N, C-alpha and C. Protein backbone atom coordinates (compact mmCIF):
# COMPACT_ATOMS: atom_id res chain seq x y z
N MET A 1 85.82 58.89 9.11
CA MET A 1 87.03 59.13 9.91
C MET A 1 86.73 58.86 11.39
N ILE A 2 87.62 58.12 12.04
CA ILE A 2 87.45 57.81 13.46
C ILE A 2 87.93 59.00 14.29
N PRO A 3 87.07 59.56 15.15
CA PRO A 3 87.51 60.71 15.96
C PRO A 3 88.43 60.29 17.10
N ARG A 4 89.22 61.23 17.56
CA ARG A 4 90.04 61.01 18.75
C ARG A 4 89.21 61.33 19.98
N GLU A 5 89.38 60.50 21.01
CA GLU A 5 88.59 60.66 22.24
C GLU A 5 89.54 60.82 23.42
N THR A 6 89.40 61.93 24.15
CA THR A 6 90.19 62.13 25.36
C THR A 6 89.53 61.36 26.50
N LEU A 7 90.25 60.38 27.05
CA LEU A 7 89.71 59.53 28.10
C LEU A 7 89.94 60.11 29.49
N ASP A 8 91.06 60.80 29.68
CA ASP A 8 91.38 61.32 31.01
C ASP A 8 92.53 62.33 30.87
N THR A 9 92.73 63.10 31.91
CA THR A 9 93.85 64.03 31.97
C THR A 9 94.60 63.82 33.28
N ALA A 10 95.85 64.26 33.30
CA ALA A 10 96.68 64.15 34.51
C ALA A 10 97.61 65.35 34.57
N GLN A 11 97.72 65.91 35.75
CA GLN A 11 98.63 67.03 35.95
C GLN A 11 99.99 66.51 36.41
N VAL A 12 101.03 66.81 35.66
CA VAL A 12 102.37 66.43 36.06
C VAL A 12 102.81 67.34 37.21
N PRO A 13 103.22 66.81 38.36
CA PRO A 13 103.66 67.68 39.46
C PRO A 13 104.78 68.63 39.01
N GLY A 14 104.50 69.92 39.13
CA GLY A 14 105.47 70.91 38.72
C GLY A 14 105.62 71.04 37.21
N GLY A 15 104.65 70.50 36.45
CA GLY A 15 104.78 70.51 35.00
C GLY A 15 103.46 70.72 34.29
N GLU A 16 103.33 70.10 33.13
CA GLU A 16 102.20 70.32 32.24
C GLU A 16 101.11 69.27 32.44
N GLU A 17 100.00 69.47 31.74
CA GLU A 17 98.89 68.52 31.77
C GLU A 17 99.05 67.49 30.65
N LEU A 18 98.88 66.23 31.01
CA LEU A 18 98.89 65.15 30.04
C LEU A 18 97.47 64.71 29.73
N ARG A 19 97.25 64.24 28.50
CA ARG A 19 95.95 63.70 28.12
C ARG A 19 96.12 62.28 27.59
N LEU A 20 95.26 61.39 28.06
CA LEU A 20 95.20 60.05 27.49
C LEU A 20 94.14 60.06 26.40
N VAL A 21 94.55 59.74 25.20
CA VAL A 21 93.68 59.84 24.02
C VAL A 21 93.57 58.47 23.37
N ARG A 22 92.34 58.13 22.96
CA ARG A 22 92.12 56.89 22.20
C ARG A 22 91.71 57.23 20.78
N HIS A 23 92.33 56.55 19.82
CA HIS A 23 91.98 56.72 18.41
C HIS A 23 91.80 55.34 17.81
N GLY A 24 90.56 54.91 17.74
CA GLY A 24 90.30 53.54 17.33
C GLY A 24 90.86 52.57 18.35
N ALA A 25 91.74 51.67 17.89
CA ALA A 25 92.35 50.69 18.79
C ALA A 25 93.64 51.21 19.42
N ASP A 26 94.06 52.40 19.05
CA ASP A 26 95.33 52.94 19.53
C ASP A 26 95.13 53.93 20.67
N PHE A 27 96.15 54.00 21.54
CA PHE A 27 96.18 54.98 22.63
C PHE A 27 97.37 55.90 22.43
N MET A 28 97.23 57.14 22.90
CA MET A 28 98.31 58.12 22.86
C MET A 28 98.32 58.89 24.17
N ILE A 29 99.49 59.28 24.62
CA ILE A 29 99.62 60.22 25.72
C ILE A 29 100.17 61.51 25.13
N VAL A 30 99.41 62.58 25.34
CA VAL A 30 99.64 63.83 24.60
C VAL A 30 99.87 64.97 25.58
N LEU A 31 100.83 65.82 25.27
CA LEU A 31 101.08 67.06 25.99
C LEU A 31 100.90 68.20 25.00
N ASP A 32 99.87 69.03 25.24
CA ASP A 32 99.54 70.12 24.31
C ASP A 32 99.34 69.50 22.92
N ARG A 33 100.20 69.84 21.96
CA ARG A 33 100.09 69.25 20.62
C ARG A 33 101.16 68.20 20.37
N ASN A 34 101.90 67.86 21.39
CA ASN A 34 102.99 66.89 21.25
C ASN A 34 102.52 65.50 21.66
N GLU A 35 102.63 64.56 20.75
CA GLU A 35 102.31 63.16 21.05
C GLU A 35 103.54 62.54 21.68
N LEU A 36 103.53 62.38 22.99
CA LEU A 36 104.71 61.89 23.70
C LEU A 36 104.95 60.41 23.47
N MET A 37 103.87 59.65 23.40
CA MET A 37 104.00 58.22 23.18
C MET A 37 102.71 57.68 22.59
N SER A 38 102.82 56.56 21.92
CA SER A 38 101.67 55.97 21.23
C SER A 38 101.85 54.47 21.15
N THR A 39 100.73 53.75 21.15
CA THR A 39 100.80 52.30 20.98
C THR A 39 101.25 51.93 19.57
N ARG A 40 101.25 52.89 18.66
CA ARG A 40 101.72 52.62 17.29
C ARG A 40 103.23 52.65 17.19
N MET A 41 103.88 53.21 18.19
CA MET A 41 105.34 53.36 18.14
C MET A 41 105.94 52.91 19.46
N ARG A 42 106.60 51.77 19.42
CA ARG A 42 107.16 51.21 20.66
C ARG A 42 108.60 50.73 20.49
N GLY A 43 109.09 50.74 19.27
CA GLY A 43 110.39 50.14 18.98
C GLY A 43 111.53 50.69 19.79
N SER A 44 111.64 52.02 19.89
CA SER A 44 112.78 52.60 20.60
C SER A 44 112.66 52.41 22.10
N GLU A 45 111.41 52.41 22.63
CA GLU A 45 111.23 52.16 24.06
C GLU A 45 111.60 50.72 24.43
N GLU A 46 111.26 49.78 23.55
CA GLU A 46 111.67 48.39 23.79
C GLU A 46 113.18 48.23 23.67
N ALA A 47 113.77 48.94 22.70
CA ALA A 47 115.23 48.87 22.52
C ALA A 47 115.96 49.41 23.74
N LEU A 48 115.39 50.41 24.41
CA LEU A 48 115.99 50.94 25.62
C LEU A 48 116.22 49.82 26.63
N ALA A 49 115.25 48.91 26.74
CA ALA A 49 115.37 47.79 27.68
C ALA A 49 116.26 46.68 27.15
N THR A 50 116.01 46.23 25.93
CA THR A 50 116.73 45.06 25.42
C THR A 50 118.22 45.35 25.26
N MET A 51 118.56 46.54 24.76
CA MET A 51 119.97 46.88 24.58
C MET A 51 120.67 47.08 25.92
N SER A 52 119.95 47.61 26.90
CA SER A 52 120.53 47.74 28.24
C SER A 52 120.79 46.37 28.85
N CYS A 53 119.81 45.47 28.73
CA CYS A 53 119.98 44.13 29.29
C CYS A 53 121.11 43.38 28.59
N ASP A 54 121.29 43.59 27.30
CA ASP A 54 122.40 42.97 26.59
C ASP A 54 123.73 43.41 27.19
N ARG A 55 123.81 44.67 27.60
CA ARG A 55 125.06 45.23 28.11
C ARG A 55 125.40 44.75 29.53
N ILE A 56 124.43 44.20 30.23
CA ILE A 56 124.72 43.68 31.58
C ILE A 56 124.47 42.18 31.65
N ALA A 57 124.40 41.54 30.49
CA ALA A 57 124.13 40.09 30.44
C ALA A 57 125.20 39.33 31.22
N GLY A 58 124.76 38.29 31.91
CA GLY A 58 125.67 37.44 32.66
C GLY A 58 125.84 37.82 34.12
N ARG A 59 125.30 38.97 34.51
CA ARG A 59 125.40 39.35 35.92
C ARG A 59 124.41 38.55 36.76
N ALA A 60 124.84 38.19 37.95
CA ALA A 60 123.94 37.49 38.86
C ALA A 60 123.00 38.49 39.51
N ARG A 61 121.73 38.14 39.56
CA ARG A 61 120.69 38.94 40.20
C ARG A 61 120.74 40.41 39.76
N PRO A 62 120.69 40.67 38.46
CA PRO A 62 120.77 42.05 37.98
C PRO A 62 119.58 42.88 38.46
N HIS A 63 119.86 44.13 38.77
CA HIS A 63 118.85 45.04 39.29
C HIS A 63 118.77 46.26 38.39
N LEU A 64 117.61 46.47 37.78
CA LEU A 64 117.38 47.61 36.90
C LEU A 64 116.52 48.64 37.61
N LEU A 65 116.83 49.91 37.38
CA LEU A 65 115.97 51.02 37.77
C LEU A 65 115.41 51.63 36.49
N ILE A 66 114.09 51.71 36.39
CA ILE A 66 113.45 52.33 35.23
C ILE A 66 112.73 53.59 35.70
N GLY A 67 113.10 54.72 35.11
CA GLY A 67 112.43 55.98 35.41
C GLY A 67 111.39 56.28 34.34
N GLY A 68 110.12 56.20 34.72
CA GLY A 68 109.02 56.49 33.81
C GLY A 68 108.39 55.23 33.26
N TYR A 69 107.08 55.03 33.54
CA TYR A 69 106.37 53.86 33.01
C TYR A 69 105.93 54.08 31.57
N GLY A 70 105.43 55.28 31.26
CA GLY A 70 104.93 55.53 29.91
C GLY A 70 103.75 54.64 29.59
N MET A 71 103.90 53.80 28.57
CA MET A 71 102.89 52.81 28.23
C MET A 71 103.38 51.39 28.52
N GLY A 72 104.49 51.32 29.26
CA GLY A 72 104.97 50.01 29.73
C GLY A 72 105.83 49.24 28.75
N PHE A 73 106.15 49.81 27.59
CA PHE A 73 106.93 49.06 26.61
C PHE A 73 108.31 48.70 27.14
N THR A 74 108.97 49.66 27.80
CA THR A 74 110.31 49.41 28.33
C THR A 74 110.25 48.39 29.46
N LEU A 75 109.29 48.53 30.36
CA LEU A 75 109.17 47.60 31.48
C LEU A 75 108.93 46.18 30.99
N ARG A 76 107.99 45.99 30.07
CA ARG A 76 107.68 44.64 29.60
C ARG A 76 108.88 44.01 28.90
N ALA A 77 109.57 44.82 28.09
CA ALA A 77 110.75 44.29 27.39
C ALA A 77 111.85 43.93 28.38
N ALA A 78 112.00 44.72 29.44
CA ALA A 78 113.02 44.42 30.45
C ALA A 78 112.68 43.12 31.18
N LEU A 79 111.43 42.95 31.58
CA LEU A 79 111.03 41.74 32.28
C LEU A 79 111.19 40.51 31.40
N ASP A 80 110.95 40.66 30.10
CA ASP A 80 111.15 39.53 29.17
C ASP A 80 112.63 39.18 29.05
N ALA A 81 113.49 40.19 29.11
CA ALA A 81 114.92 39.97 28.89
C ALA A 81 115.67 39.53 30.14
N LEU A 82 115.16 39.89 31.31
CA LEU A 82 115.88 39.60 32.56
C LEU A 82 115.73 38.13 32.95
N PRO A 83 116.74 37.59 33.66
CA PRO A 83 116.60 36.22 34.17
C PRO A 83 115.62 36.18 35.34
N ALA A 84 115.32 34.98 35.78
CA ALA A 84 114.34 34.79 36.85
C ALA A 84 114.78 35.46 38.15
N ASP A 85 116.09 35.60 38.37
CA ASP A 85 116.56 36.21 39.61
C ASP A 85 116.81 37.71 39.45
N GLY A 86 116.41 38.29 38.31
CA GLY A 86 116.56 39.73 38.11
C GLY A 86 115.50 40.51 38.86
N ARG A 87 115.76 41.82 39.02
CA ARG A 87 114.80 42.70 39.69
C ARG A 87 114.68 44.00 38.92
N VAL A 88 113.49 44.60 39.00
CA VAL A 88 113.25 45.91 38.41
C VAL A 88 112.60 46.81 39.46
N THR A 89 113.16 47.98 39.66
CA THR A 89 112.50 49.03 40.42
C THR A 89 112.00 50.06 39.42
N LEU A 90 110.70 50.27 39.40
CA LEU A 90 110.07 51.23 38.47
C LEU A 90 109.60 52.43 39.27
N VAL A 91 109.99 53.63 38.83
CA VAL A 91 109.58 54.86 39.50
C VAL A 91 108.75 55.68 38.53
N GLU A 92 107.52 55.98 38.93
CA GLU A 92 106.62 56.80 38.11
C GLU A 92 106.10 57.96 38.94
N LEU A 93 106.26 59.15 38.42
CA LEU A 93 105.89 60.36 39.14
C LEU A 93 104.39 60.62 39.14
N VAL A 94 103.71 60.28 38.05
CA VAL A 94 102.31 60.65 37.84
C VAL A 94 101.41 59.45 38.15
N PRO A 95 100.64 59.48 39.23
CA PRO A 95 99.85 58.30 39.59
C PRO A 95 98.83 57.89 38.54
N GLU A 96 98.31 58.86 37.79
CA GLU A 96 97.32 58.53 36.76
C GLU A 96 97.89 57.63 35.67
N ILE A 97 99.20 57.75 35.42
CA ILE A 97 99.82 56.89 34.41
C ILE A 97 99.64 55.42 34.77
N ILE A 98 99.84 55.10 36.05
CA ILE A 98 99.65 53.72 36.49
C ILE A 98 98.16 53.36 36.50
N ALA A 99 97.31 54.31 36.86
CA ALA A 99 95.87 54.06 36.82
C ALA A 99 95.41 53.76 35.39
N TRP A 100 95.95 54.47 34.41
CA TRP A 100 95.60 54.20 33.02
C TRP A 100 96.08 52.81 32.59
N ALA A 101 97.26 52.44 33.08
CA ALA A 101 97.79 51.12 32.74
C ALA A 101 96.91 50.00 33.28
N ARG A 102 96.33 50.24 34.44
CA ARG A 102 95.48 49.22 35.06
C ARG A 102 94.01 49.37 34.67
N GLY A 103 93.70 50.46 33.95
CA GLY A 103 92.32 50.73 33.55
C GLY A 103 92.15 50.58 32.05
N PRO A 104 92.08 51.70 31.30
CA PRO A 104 91.81 51.62 29.86
C PRO A 104 92.83 50.80 29.08
N MET A 105 94.10 50.79 29.54
CA MET A 105 95.14 50.06 28.79
C MET A 105 95.52 48.75 29.46
N GLN A 106 94.59 48.17 30.21
CA GLN A 106 94.87 46.94 30.95
C GLN A 106 95.33 45.81 30.03
N GLU A 107 94.72 45.70 28.85
CA GLU A 107 95.11 44.62 27.93
C GLU A 107 96.55 44.82 27.45
N LEU A 108 96.91 46.06 27.19
CA LEU A 108 98.28 46.37 26.77
C LEU A 108 99.27 46.09 27.89
N THR A 109 98.89 46.38 29.13
CA THR A 109 99.77 46.21 30.28
C THR A 109 100.13 44.74 30.49
N ALA A 110 99.20 43.85 30.18
CA ALA A 110 99.45 42.40 30.16
C ALA A 110 100.02 41.88 31.48
N GLY A 111 99.60 42.47 32.60
CA GLY A 111 99.98 41.95 33.90
C GLY A 111 101.39 42.27 34.35
N CYS A 112 102.12 43.11 33.60
CA CYS A 112 103.52 43.34 33.97
C CYS A 112 103.67 44.04 35.31
N LEU A 113 102.68 44.81 35.72
CA LEU A 113 102.77 45.51 37.01
C LEU A 113 102.61 44.57 38.19
N GLU A 114 102.18 43.35 37.93
CA GLU A 114 102.03 42.35 38.99
C GLU A 114 103.19 41.36 39.00
N ASP A 115 104.18 41.55 38.17
CA ASP A 115 105.32 40.64 38.13
C ASP A 115 106.03 40.65 39.49
N ARG A 116 106.37 39.49 40.01
CA ARG A 116 106.97 39.37 41.35
C ARG A 116 108.35 40.01 41.41
N ARG A 117 108.99 40.21 40.28
CA ARG A 117 110.33 40.83 40.25
C ARG A 117 110.28 42.35 40.30
N LEU A 118 109.09 42.92 40.27
CA LEU A 118 108.93 44.36 40.16
C LEU A 118 108.63 45.02 41.50
N THR A 119 109.31 46.12 41.78
CA THR A 119 108.97 47.02 42.87
C THR A 119 108.55 48.35 42.24
N LEU A 120 107.33 48.78 42.54
CA LEU A 120 106.78 50.01 41.96
C LEU A 120 106.81 51.11 43.01
N ILE A 121 107.40 52.24 42.64
CA ILE A 121 107.48 53.40 43.52
C ILE A 121 106.83 54.58 42.83
N GLN A 122 105.90 55.24 43.52
CA GLN A 122 105.37 56.49 42.99
C GLN A 122 106.22 57.62 43.57
N GLY A 123 106.89 58.35 42.70
CA GLY A 123 107.74 59.42 43.17
C GLY A 123 108.67 59.91 42.08
N ASP A 124 109.68 60.65 42.49
CA ASP A 124 110.63 61.26 41.58
C ASP A 124 111.87 60.36 41.46
N VAL A 125 112.18 59.94 40.26
CA VAL A 125 113.31 59.03 40.08
C VAL A 125 114.63 59.67 40.50
N ALA A 126 114.72 61.00 40.39
CA ALA A 126 115.95 61.67 40.83
C ALA A 126 116.20 61.45 42.31
N ALA A 127 115.14 61.46 43.11
CA ALA A 127 115.28 61.23 44.55
C ALA A 127 115.69 59.78 44.84
N VAL A 128 115.14 58.84 44.09
CA VAL A 128 115.51 57.43 44.27
C VAL A 128 116.97 57.22 43.91
N ILE A 129 117.42 57.83 42.82
CA ILE A 129 118.83 57.72 42.42
C ILE A 129 119.73 58.28 43.51
N ALA A 130 119.39 59.45 44.03
CA ALA A 130 120.22 60.11 45.03
C ALA A 130 120.33 59.30 46.32
N ALA A 131 119.30 58.50 46.60
CA ALA A 131 119.27 57.74 47.86
C ALA A 131 119.77 56.31 47.71
N SER A 132 120.36 55.96 46.54
CA SER A 132 120.66 54.56 46.27
C SER A 132 122.08 54.35 45.75
N PRO A 133 123.10 54.62 46.55
CA PRO A 133 124.47 54.42 46.07
C PRO A 133 124.76 52.95 45.76
N ALA A 134 125.45 52.73 44.64
CA ALA A 134 125.91 51.39 44.23
C ALA A 134 124.80 50.34 44.29
N SER A 135 123.63 50.69 43.78
CA SER A 135 122.46 49.81 43.91
C SER A 135 122.02 49.13 42.62
N PHE A 136 122.35 49.70 41.47
CA PHE A 136 121.74 49.24 40.23
C PHE A 136 122.80 48.83 39.20
N ASP A 137 122.46 47.79 38.45
CA ASP A 137 123.31 47.39 37.33
C ASP A 137 123.01 48.21 36.09
N ALA A 138 121.80 48.72 36.00
CA ALA A 138 121.44 49.61 34.89
C ALA A 138 120.35 50.57 35.35
N ILE A 139 120.46 51.80 34.89
CA ILE A 139 119.43 52.82 35.12
C ILE A 139 118.91 53.24 33.76
N LEU A 140 117.62 53.09 33.54
CA LEU A 140 116.99 53.42 32.27
C LEU A 140 116.07 54.60 32.47
N LEU A 141 116.33 55.70 31.77
CA LEU A 141 115.55 56.92 31.94
C LEU A 141 114.79 57.27 30.68
N ASP A 142 113.48 57.36 30.81
CA ASP A 142 112.60 57.85 29.74
C ASP A 142 111.49 58.65 30.41
N VAL A 143 111.90 59.74 31.06
CA VAL A 143 110.96 60.53 31.86
C VAL A 143 110.54 61.81 31.16
N ASP A 144 111.11 62.06 29.99
CA ASP A 144 110.78 63.29 29.27
C ASP A 144 111.03 63.04 27.79
N ASN A 145 111.03 64.10 26.98
CA ASN A 145 111.25 63.95 25.55
C ASN A 145 112.74 63.91 25.21
N GLY A 146 113.56 63.94 26.24
CA GLY A 146 115.00 63.99 26.09
C GLY A 146 115.57 64.89 27.16
N PRO A 147 116.82 65.32 27.02
CA PRO A 147 117.46 66.14 28.06
C PRO A 147 117.03 67.61 28.04
N ASP A 148 115.80 67.88 27.63
CA ASP A 148 115.36 69.28 27.50
C ASP A 148 114.20 69.66 28.41
N GLY A 149 113.74 68.75 29.26
CA GLY A 149 112.69 69.08 30.23
C GLY A 149 111.41 69.60 29.62
N LEU A 150 110.92 68.95 28.55
CA LEU A 150 109.68 69.40 27.90
C LEU A 150 108.47 69.23 28.81
N VAL A 151 108.37 68.09 29.48
CA VAL A 151 107.21 67.77 30.29
C VAL A 151 107.25 68.48 31.64
N ARG A 152 108.45 68.62 32.20
CA ARG A 152 108.59 69.13 33.57
C ARG A 152 109.99 69.72 33.72
N ASP A 153 110.07 71.00 34.06
CA ASP A 153 111.37 71.66 34.16
C ASP A 153 112.29 70.97 35.15
N ALA A 154 111.72 70.42 36.23
CA ALA A 154 112.54 69.78 37.26
C ALA A 154 113.26 68.54 36.74
N ASN A 155 112.81 68.00 35.60
CA ASN A 155 113.52 66.86 35.02
C ASN A 155 114.92 67.23 34.57
N ASN A 156 115.16 68.52 34.35
CA ASN A 156 116.48 68.94 33.88
C ASN A 156 117.59 68.52 34.83
N VAL A 157 117.27 68.39 36.12
CA VAL A 157 118.32 68.02 37.07
C VAL A 157 118.89 66.65 36.77
N LEU A 158 118.07 65.75 36.21
CA LEU A 158 118.56 64.42 35.87
C LEU A 158 119.68 64.47 34.84
N TYR A 159 119.60 65.47 33.96
CA TYR A 159 120.52 65.55 32.84
C TYR A 159 121.65 66.55 33.08
N SER A 160 121.64 67.18 34.24
CA SER A 160 122.72 68.10 34.60
C SER A 160 123.95 67.31 35.04
N GLU A 161 125.09 67.99 35.16
CA GLU A 161 126.28 67.31 35.65
C GLU A 161 126.03 66.70 37.03
N ARG A 162 125.34 67.45 37.88
CA ARG A 162 125.05 66.95 39.23
C ARG A 162 124.20 65.68 39.16
N GLY A 163 123.18 65.69 38.31
CA GLY A 163 122.31 64.54 38.18
C GLY A 163 123.02 63.33 37.59
N LEU A 164 123.89 63.58 36.62
CA LEU A 164 124.63 62.48 36.00
C LEU A 164 125.65 61.89 36.97
N ARG A 165 126.26 62.74 37.80
CA ARG A 165 127.18 62.21 38.81
C ARG A 165 126.43 61.37 39.84
N ALA A 166 125.21 61.79 40.17
CA ALA A 166 124.40 61.00 41.10
C ALA A 166 124.07 59.64 40.50
N ALA A 167 123.74 59.63 39.20
CA ALA A 167 123.44 58.37 38.54
C ALA A 167 124.66 57.46 38.52
N ARG A 168 125.83 58.05 38.29
CA ARG A 168 127.06 57.25 38.28
C ARG A 168 127.30 56.63 39.66
N THR A 169 127.03 57.39 40.69
CA THR A 169 127.19 56.88 42.06
C THR A 169 126.20 55.77 42.36
N ALA A 170 125.00 55.84 41.79
CA ALA A 170 123.96 54.84 42.04
C ALA A 170 124.20 53.54 41.30
N LEU A 171 125.10 53.55 40.31
CA LEU A 171 125.40 52.34 39.55
C LEU A 171 126.45 51.50 40.27
N ARG A 172 126.32 50.20 40.11
CA ARG A 172 127.38 49.30 40.53
C ARG A 172 128.53 49.37 39.52
N PRO A 173 129.73 48.95 39.91
CA PRO A 173 130.85 48.97 38.96
C PRO A 173 130.49 48.26 37.65
N GLY A 174 130.80 48.92 36.54
CA GLY A 174 130.49 48.35 35.24
C GLY A 174 129.05 48.51 34.81
N GLY A 175 128.25 49.25 35.60
CA GLY A 175 126.85 49.44 35.28
C GLY A 175 126.64 50.41 34.13
N VAL A 176 125.37 50.51 33.70
CA VAL A 176 125.04 51.30 32.51
C VAL A 176 123.89 52.26 32.82
N LEU A 177 124.08 53.51 32.43
CA LEU A 177 123.01 54.50 32.43
C LEU A 177 122.53 54.63 31.00
N ALA A 178 121.24 54.34 30.74
CA ALA A 178 120.67 54.41 29.40
C ALA A 178 119.60 55.49 29.38
N ILE A 179 119.71 56.41 28.43
CA ILE A 179 118.80 57.56 28.37
C ILE A 179 118.18 57.66 26.98
N TRP A 180 116.86 57.68 26.94
CA TRP A 180 116.11 57.80 25.68
C TRP A 180 115.89 59.27 25.35
N SER A 181 115.93 59.58 24.06
CA SER A 181 115.66 60.95 23.61
C SER A 181 115.02 60.92 22.23
N ALA A 182 114.14 61.89 21.99
CA ALA A 182 113.51 62.01 20.68
C ALA A 182 114.46 62.55 19.64
N ALA A 183 115.58 63.14 20.06
CA ALA A 183 116.50 63.76 19.10
C ALA A 183 117.92 63.77 19.66
N LYS A 184 118.87 63.99 18.76
CA LYS A 184 120.28 64.11 19.16
C LYS A 184 120.49 65.35 20.02
N ASP A 185 121.52 65.29 20.84
CA ASP A 185 121.90 66.43 21.67
C ASP A 185 123.40 66.28 21.94
N ASP A 186 124.20 66.90 21.09
CA ASP A 186 125.65 66.74 21.19
C ASP A 186 126.20 67.30 22.49
N ALA A 187 125.61 68.39 22.98
CA ALA A 187 126.07 68.98 24.24
C ALA A 187 125.84 68.01 25.39
N PHE A 188 124.73 67.31 25.37
CA PHE A 188 124.45 66.34 26.43
C PHE A 188 125.43 65.16 26.35
N ALA A 189 125.72 64.70 25.15
CA ALA A 189 126.68 63.60 25.00
C ALA A 189 128.04 64.00 25.58
N ARG A 190 128.44 65.24 25.36
CA ARG A 190 129.70 65.72 25.92
C ARG A 190 129.64 65.77 27.44
N ARG A 191 128.46 66.13 27.98
CA ARG A 191 128.30 66.19 29.43
C ARG A 191 128.45 64.80 30.06
N LEU A 192 127.90 63.78 29.40
CA LEU A 192 128.06 62.42 29.89
C LEU A 192 129.54 62.04 29.99
N LYS A 193 130.29 62.39 28.97
CA LYS A 193 131.72 62.07 28.97
C LYS A 193 132.47 62.87 30.03
N LYS A 194 132.04 64.10 30.25
CA LYS A 194 132.71 64.97 31.21
C LYS A 194 132.65 64.42 32.62
N VAL A 195 131.52 63.73 32.97
CA VAL A 195 131.40 63.20 34.33
C VAL A 195 132.02 61.81 34.46
N GLY A 196 132.65 61.31 33.40
CA GLY A 196 133.41 60.07 33.52
C GLY A 196 132.81 58.84 32.89
N PHE A 197 131.71 58.98 32.15
CA PHE A 197 131.11 57.83 31.48
C PHE A 197 131.80 57.57 30.14
N ALA A 198 131.86 56.31 29.75
CA ALA A 198 132.15 55.92 28.37
C ALA A 198 130.81 55.88 27.64
N VAL A 199 130.69 56.58 26.53
CA VAL A 199 129.39 56.82 25.92
C VAL A 199 129.27 56.14 24.55
N ASP A 200 128.17 55.43 24.38
CA ASP A 200 127.79 54.83 23.09
C ASP A 200 126.44 55.42 22.69
N GLU A 201 126.40 56.18 21.60
CA GLU A 201 125.16 56.81 21.13
C GLU A 201 124.58 55.97 20.00
N VAL A 202 123.35 55.50 20.17
CA VAL A 202 122.73 54.59 19.22
C VAL A 202 121.46 55.21 18.67
N MET A 203 121.30 55.18 17.35
CA MET A 203 120.07 55.64 16.70
C MET A 203 119.14 54.44 16.53
N VAL A 204 117.90 54.60 16.93
CA VAL A 204 116.92 53.53 16.81
C VAL A 204 115.64 54.08 16.20
N ARG A 205 114.93 53.23 15.51
CA ARG A 205 113.67 53.64 14.88
C ARG A 205 112.53 53.58 15.90
N ALA A 206 111.54 54.46 15.68
CA ALA A 206 110.41 54.54 16.60
C ALA A 206 109.53 53.30 16.55
N ARG A 207 109.40 52.70 15.38
CA ARG A 207 108.50 51.56 15.25
C ARG A 207 109.28 50.25 15.36
N GLU A 208 108.60 49.22 15.86
CA GLU A 208 109.26 47.94 16.05
C GLU A 208 109.59 47.25 14.73
N ASN A 209 109.00 47.71 13.61
CA ASN A 209 109.31 47.14 12.30
C ASN A 209 110.50 47.82 11.63
N GLY A 210 111.20 48.69 12.38
CA GLY A 210 112.37 49.35 11.84
C GLY A 210 112.07 50.60 11.04
N LYS A 211 110.84 51.07 11.11
CA LYS A 211 110.45 52.28 10.39
C LYS A 211 110.13 53.39 11.39
N GLY A 212 109.72 54.54 10.87
CA GLY A 212 109.35 55.65 11.73
C GLY A 212 110.52 56.57 12.04
N ALA A 213 110.27 57.53 12.90
CA ALA A 213 111.28 58.53 13.25
C ALA A 213 112.50 57.88 13.89
N ARG A 214 113.62 58.58 13.80
CA ARG A 214 114.85 58.12 14.44
C ARG A 214 114.96 58.73 15.83
N HIS A 215 115.06 57.89 16.82
CA HIS A 215 115.27 58.32 18.20
C HIS A 215 116.70 57.98 18.62
N VAL A 216 117.10 58.51 19.75
CA VAL A 216 118.47 58.33 20.24
C VAL A 216 118.45 57.67 21.61
N ILE A 217 119.35 56.73 21.82
CA ILE A 217 119.60 56.19 23.16
C ILE A 217 121.08 56.33 23.45
N TRP A 218 121.40 56.99 24.56
CA TRP A 218 122.78 57.04 25.02
C TRP A 218 122.99 55.94 26.06
N PHE A 219 124.00 55.11 25.84
CA PHE A 219 124.40 54.10 26.82
C PHE A 219 125.71 54.58 27.43
N ALA A 220 125.64 55.01 28.68
CA ALA A 220 126.79 55.57 29.38
C ALA A 220 127.25 54.55 30.41
N SER A 221 128.46 54.06 30.22
CA SER A 221 128.96 52.95 31.04
C SER A 221 129.81 53.44 32.20
N GLN A 222 129.51 52.88 33.36
CA GLN A 222 130.31 53.10 34.56
C GLN A 222 131.58 52.26 34.46
N PRO A 223 132.75 52.79 34.81
CA PRO A 223 133.97 51.99 34.76
C PRO A 223 133.86 50.75 35.68
N PRO A 224 134.58 49.68 35.36
CA PRO A 224 134.61 48.54 36.28
C PRO A 224 135.28 48.93 37.58
N ALA A 225 135.26 48.02 38.53
CA ALA A 225 135.64 48.34 39.91
C ALA A 225 137.02 48.99 40.03
N ALA A 226 138.02 48.45 39.39
CA ALA A 226 139.37 48.99 39.54
C ALA A 226 139.47 50.41 39.03
N SER A 227 138.83 50.68 37.86
CA SER A 227 138.85 52.01 37.28
C SER A 227 138.04 52.98 38.11
N ALA A 228 136.91 52.50 38.66
CA ALA A 228 136.03 53.37 39.44
C ALA A 228 136.77 53.91 40.67
N LYS A 229 137.65 53.10 41.27
CA LYS A 229 138.36 53.54 42.47
C LYS A 229 139.36 54.65 42.15
N SER A 230 139.87 54.62 40.93
CA SER A 230 140.86 55.62 40.56
C SER A 230 140.27 56.85 39.91
N ALA A 231 138.91 56.84 39.62
CA ALA A 231 138.27 57.95 38.91
C ALA A 231 138.10 59.12 39.83
């Protein structure tokens, strides 16, 4: 049996300790006994990007905001899907996550952090959203296990009515807020609708081969310009 090896740890600001674990050729990021992400399961993280890009296809110079690097699956899929004139702003709170991407998981990262279309910010994505009115065609959030603040209590603000209204303000007319979750949350879906989003809830498999656990992505659409003025 191949043992699991803890390569490094990282303290989430205002939250829990994360561990980077290697098991043979696979990597995992673990919180306590919860496996938050793994190289064995990337399907839903990639779908977060590809389905979001599908929803804003045809826009000139599309600008995506991605909250949370994780293992880079969403970022790489977004860069593959975006046109040459597209842009991505990536916000990661935990500096060690980026260090791991450039260190032990460098092969997996495949140079995506050096893409000329990428702006990398170390900080809190909630602060970037609040400071960026009408800036993004899509906002992709995968900063926790869902709208329950498992990793960091302060993440709850992103999923509150106040946080969702801020995200709506940060979107351009017709933009999309996409939120990944490990499980359904009917109360959260109702909250998205309450602040004025049109909501599409999609179930996706954890693995890229269509197998594994079922995860949820909410695609919350900002009204187009005429509707936005009357909202």
